[in-house]
Amino acid sequence: MEGARQSAMLDEVTTEFKLDRLIKLFIGQQTTPYLVQETLLTDIATYFANAMKWDDRSSEPSGILRFPDDDEDAWKVLLHWIIKGKLPTTRSGQATQMLWVHCWILGDKYNIAAFQDDVMVELVFELAHQKTSLEIVKTAFEGTIEDCKLRKLMAEETVDLIRTTKDWCHKKLELLDGVSGFTPALLKAMDEHDLLLDGAGDTTTLRARMTSGGISQWKAYTVGDGPWQHWIYYARA
């Protein structure tokens, strides 16, 4: 009897895989789609589950989703994360910082908090070892909404650039003229930083988010529960 119940349970679990289909994803302007199991998509985000519910009412052939405005490299990372259960290995540098920013924005667009949090830990780690650029800051603000965690992080990084870059010229900030929400976020970050430093004039704590002694531990920048333990062994709650 116990064996029969177990077999029935396993049949129930695996039935969806028998009925599963491959969904064609067209990202950006590409003409060759990515093929992904429907259940893998629908399990990670309500957005995709709803898209599949409306599939038969779409003008597109069944099983096709198009994302013409999304960043293709960010989607490659998301697909790797969906299928492998982890982020791909990357090289350090500002190009990787930009990639993580695009990934976080993509996760935010489709409300995939676990993906955003994995990406955020990687970005925080990158920023602990290399400063960002105003181009990356601009991308972050242009792709997000007010008071989000990515804006908080990048506003703090801008404070670090201003206060630690030799021969800093405020004219550089013209790149961010007209970028919605940047100035209030920057002023808030500067005020909070000054209070924390108590006038010491030292910005090294901005580079120490990965440790308990930093301005804030890394989970202050996550939108969900965050990973319990990351490959960055000291990035723990």
Protein backbone atom coordinates (compact mmCIF):
# COMPACT_ATOMS: atom_id res chain seq x y z
CA MET A 1 0.00 0.00 0.00
CA GLU A 2 2.79 2.40 0.94
CA GLY A 3 4.58 1.63 -2.32
CA ALA A 4 1.42 2.34 -4.31
CA ARG A 5 0.93 5.73 -2.60
CA GLN A 6 4.54 6.67 -3.26
CA SER A 7 4.21 5.67 -6.92
CA ALA A 8 1.02 7.74 -7.24
CA MET A 9 2.76 10.75 -5.69
CA LEU A 10 5.67 10.46 -8.11
CA ASP A 11 3.27 10.15 -11.04
CA GLU A 12 1.57 13.36 -9.94
CA VAL A 13 4.89 15.18 -9.68
CA THR A 14 6.12 14.04 -13.10
CA THR A 15 2.87 14.41 -15.06
CA GLU A 16 3.56 18.05 -15.82
CA PHE A 17 6.86 17.11 -17.43
CA LYS A 18 5.08 14.68 -19.75
CA LEU A 19 2.73 17.46 -20.80
CA ASP A 20 5.40 20.16 -20.85
CA ARG A 21 6.35 21.96 -24.05
CA LEU A 22 9.21 24.09 -25.25
CA ILE A 23 8.55 27.82 -25.42
CA LYS A 24 10.32 29.93 -28.03
CA LEU A 25 11.77 33.13 -26.59
CA PHE A 26 12.77 35.91 -28.96
CA ILE A 27 14.93 38.43 -27.10
CA GLY A 28 15.77 41.85 -28.51
CA GLN A 29 15.98 41.78 -32.28
CA GLN A 30 17.25 38.22 -32.58
CA THR A 31 15.65 35.93 -35.16
CA THR A 32 16.74 32.64 -33.60
CA PRO A 33 14.79 31.84 -30.42
CA TYR A 34 15.88 30.32 -27.15
CA LEU A 35 13.95 27.15 -26.31
CA VAL A 36 12.89 26.79 -22.69
CA GLN A 37 10.55 24.37 -20.93
CA GLU A 38 7.27 26.06 -20.12
CA THR A 39 7.22 24.89 -16.49
CA LEU A 40 10.67 26.35 -15.86
CA LEU A 41 9.39 29.77 -16.95
CA THR A 42 6.03 29.68 -15.24
CA ASP A 43 7.50 28.49 -11.94
CA ILE A 44 9.85 31.46 -11.51
CA ALA A 45 7.51 34.36 -12.21
CA THR A 46 3.80 35.07 -12.23
CA TYR A 47 4.36 37.22 -15.31
CA PHE A 48 5.30 34.19 -17.41
CA ALA A 49 2.53 32.07 -15.96
CA ASN A 50 -0.01 34.73 -16.94
CA ALA A 51 1.55 35.07 -20.39
CA MET A 52 1.04 31.35 -20.96
CA LYS A 53 -2.60 31.57 -19.83
CA TRP A 54 -3.23 34.15 -22.53
CA ASP A 55 -1.15 32.27 -25.08
CA ASP A 56 -4.12 30.95 -27.06
CA ARG A 57 -5.57 34.46 -27.36
CA SER A 58 -2.37 35.99 -28.70
CA SER A 59 -1.86 36.95 -32.32
CA GLU A 60 1.44 35.04 -32.12
CA PRO A 61 1.60 31.31 -32.90
CA SER A 62 1.21 29.22 -29.74
CA GLY A 63 4.29 28.87 -27.54
CA ILE A 64 6.09 32.05 -28.61
CA LEU A 65 7.06 34.96 -26.38
CA ARG A 66 8.81 38.10 -27.59
CA PHE A 67 10.78 40.57 -25.49
CA PRO A 68 12.05 43.12 -28.05
CA ASP A 69 13.06 45.76 -25.51
CA ASP A 70 15.00 43.53 -23.12
CA ASP A 71 18.77 43.22 -22.84
CA GLU A 72 19.86 39.98 -24.50
CA ASP A 73 22.92 39.41 -22.32
CA ALA A 74 20.80 39.82 -19.19
CA TRP A 75 18.41 37.21 -20.55
CA LYS A 76 21.31 34.84 -21.18
CA VAL A 77 22.23 35.16 -17.51
CA LEU A 78 18.60 34.68 -16.44
CA LEU A 79 18.26 31.54 -18.57
CA HIS A 80 21.48 30.14 -17.11
CA TRP A 81 20.13 30.87 -13.63
CA ILE A 82 16.78 29.23 -14.42
CA ILE A 83 18.31 26.07 -15.88
CA LYS A 84 21.46 25.68 -13.76
CA GLY A 85 20.13 27.16 -10.53
CA LYS A 86 23.05 29.58 -10.24
CA LEU A 87 24.63 32.55 -11.95
CA PRO A 88 27.39 32.02 -14.54
CA THR A 89 31.02 32.66 -13.71
CA THR A 90 32.19 36.06 -14.93
CA ARG A 91 35.33 38.14 -14.96
CA SER A 92 35.64 41.13 -12.68
CA GLY A 93 35.46 44.61 -14.13
CA GLN A 94 33.10 47.42 -15.02
CA ALA A 95 31.67 45.44 -17.95
CA THR A 96 30.54 42.84 -15.43
CA GLN A 97 29.12 45.57 -13.18
CA MET A 98 27.06 46.79 -16.14
CA LEU A 99 25.88 43.25 -16.85
CA TRP A 100 24.72 42.78 -13.25
CA VAL A 101 22.87 46.11 -13.41
CA HIS A 102 21.02 45.00 -16.55
CA CYS A 103 20.26 41.65 -14.89
CA TRP A 104 18.86 43.30 -11.76
CA ILE A 105 16.66 45.55 -13.92
CA LEU A 106 15.42 42.51 -15.85
CA GLY A 107 14.58 40.68 -12.62
CA ASP A 108 12.79 43.76 -11.35
CA LYS A 109 10.73 44.03 -14.54
CA TYR A 110 9.40 40.48 -14.16
CA ASN A 111 9.40 40.43 -10.33
CA ILE A 112 11.96 37.64 -9.90
CA ALA A 113 13.24 38.57 -6.44
CA ALA A 114 15.50 35.54 -5.97
CA PHE A 115 17.32 36.33 -9.21
CA GLN A 116 17.67 39.98 -8.24
CA ASP A 117 19.15 39.04 -4.89
CA ASP A 118 21.69 36.62 -6.35
CA VAL A 119 22.69 39.33 -8.82
CA MET A 120 22.89 41.97 -6.10
CA VAL A 121 25.34 39.94 -4.03
CA GLU A 122 27.57 39.61 -7.10
CA LEU A 123 27.33 43.33 -7.80
CA VAL A 124 28.13 44.27 -4.20
CA PHE A 125 31.14 41.97 -4.35
CA GLU A 126 32.30 43.62 -7.59
CA LEU A 127 31.92 47.09 -6.11
CA ALA A 128 33.97 46.08 -3.08
CA HIS A 129 36.92 45.55 -5.39
CA GLN A 130 36.48 48.10 -8.16
CA LYS A 131 34.76 51.46 -8.35
CA THR A 132 31.89 51.93 -10.73
CA SER A 133 31.44 54.50 -13.51
CA LEU A 134 28.85 57.22 -14.03
CA GLU A 135 27.69 55.40 -17.18
CA ILE A 136 26.76 52.40 -15.04
CA VAL A 137 25.06 54.67 -12.50
CA LYS A 138 23.04 56.27 -15.30
CA THR A 139 21.95 52.87 -16.64
CA ALA A 140 20.84 51.84 -13.16
CA PHE A 141 18.72 54.93 -12.62
CA GLU A 142 17.21 54.95 -16.09
CA GLY A 143 16.01 51.37 -15.71
CA THR A 144 14.55 51.56 -12.21
CA ILE A 145 11.99 53.34 -10.06
CA GLU A 146 12.32 55.63 -7.05
CA ASP A 147 13.64 54.23 -3.77
CA CYS A 148 14.64 50.83 -5.16
CA LYS A 149 17.64 49.00 -3.73
CA LEU A 150 19.74 49.34 -6.89
CA ARG A 151 19.36 53.13 -6.84
CA LYS A 152 20.39 53.20 -3.18
CA LEU A 153 23.52 51.20 -3.96
CA MET A 154 24.52 53.25 -7.00
CA ALA A 155 23.88 56.58 -5.27
CA GLU A 156 26.28 55.46 -2.53
CA GLU A 157 28.82 54.47 -5.15
CA THR A 158 28.54 57.93 -6.71
CA VAL A 159 29.33 59.46 -3.31
CA ASP A 160 32.41 57.26 -3.21
CA LEU A 161 33.46 58.42 -6.68
CA ILE A 162 33.04 62.08 -5.75
CA ARG A 163 34.96 61.84 -2.49
CA THR A 164 37.79 59.52 -3.44
CA THR A 165 38.56 60.34 -7.08
CA LYS A 166 41.67 62.48 -7.39
CA ASP A 167 41.01 65.86 -9.01
CA TRP A 168 37.26 65.12 -9.13
CA CYS A 169 35.33 67.60 -11.27
CA HIS A 170 31.63 68.04 -10.58
CA LYS A 171 31.16 68.76 -14.27
CA LYS A 172 31.31 64.99 -14.76
CA LEU A 173 27.88 64.76 -13.18
CA GLU A 174 26.41 66.48 -16.24
CA LEU A 175 26.13 62.97 -17.68
CA LEU A 176 23.31 62.43 -15.20
CA ASP A 177 21.50 65.72 -15.87
CA GLY A 178 17.81 65.06 -16.29
CA VAL A 179 18.00 61.45 -15.07
CA SER A 180 14.88 61.03 -12.97
CA GLY A 181 15.48 60.55 -9.26
CA PHE A 182 19.27 60.82 -9.34
CA THR A 183 19.76 64.13 -7.52
CA PRO A 184 17.47 63.31 -4.54
CA ALA A 185 19.06 59.86 -4.21
CA LEU A 186 22.55 61.34 -4.31
CA LEU A 187 21.77 63.99 -1.70
CA LYS A 188 20.21 61.36 0.57
CA ALA A 189 23.25 59.11 0.19
CA MET A 190 25.58 62.01 0.99
CA ASP A 191 23.59 62.96 4.09
CA GLU A 192 23.46 59.38 5.38
CA HIS A 193 27.15 58.92 4.66
CA ASP A 194 28.12 62.06 6.57
CA LEU A 195 26.09 60.98 9.59
CA LEU A 196 27.67 57.55 9.62
CA LEU A 197 31.16 58.91 9.28
CA ASP A 198 30.54 61.58 11.91
CA GLY A 199 32.62 64.00 9.91
CA ALA A 200 35.61 61.70 9.60
CA GLY A 201 35.81 62.25 5.86
CA ASP A 202 36.68 58.61 5.20
CA THR A 203 34.82 56.60 2.55
CA THR A 204 36.41 53.21 3.10
CA THR A 205 33.27 51.85 4.78
CA LEU A 206 31.45 52.14 1.46
CA ARG A 207 33.75 49.40 0.21
CA ALA A 208 33.03 47.10 3.15
CA ARG A 209 29.43 46.03 2.59
CA MET A 210 30.47 42.39 2.44
CA THR A 211 31.52 42.39 6.09
CA SER A 212 29.73 43.08 9.35
CA GLY A 213 31.77 46.23 9.84
CA GLY A 214 30.50 48.01 6.73
CA ILE A 215 27.90 50.75 6.39
CA SER A 216 25.34 48.02 5.89
CA GLN A 217 25.56 44.31 5.43
CA TRP A 218 24.77 43.09 1.94
CA LYS A 219 21.23 42.00 2.81
CA ALA A 220 20.27 45.66 3.14
CA TYR A 221 20.34 45.69 -0.65
CA THR A 222 18.21 42.60 -1.32
CA VAL A 223 14.52 42.70 -2.22
CA GLY A 224 13.67 39.21 -0.98
CA ASP A 225 15.16 36.96 1.65
CA GLY A 226 18.43 36.80 -0.22
CA PRO A 227 20.61 33.69 -0.50
CA TRP A 228 21.21 32.03 2.87
CA GLN A 229 24.82 31.35 2.00
CA HIS A 230 26.69 32.49 -1.06
CA TRP A 231 29.87 31.35 -2.71
CA ILE A 232 31.31 34.53 -1.25
CA TYR A 233 31.85 32.74 2.04
CA TYR A 234 31.79 35.82 4.22
CA ALA A 235 28.61 37.24 2.66
CA ARG A 236 26.26 35.94 5.30
CA ALA A 237 23.41 37.50 7.23
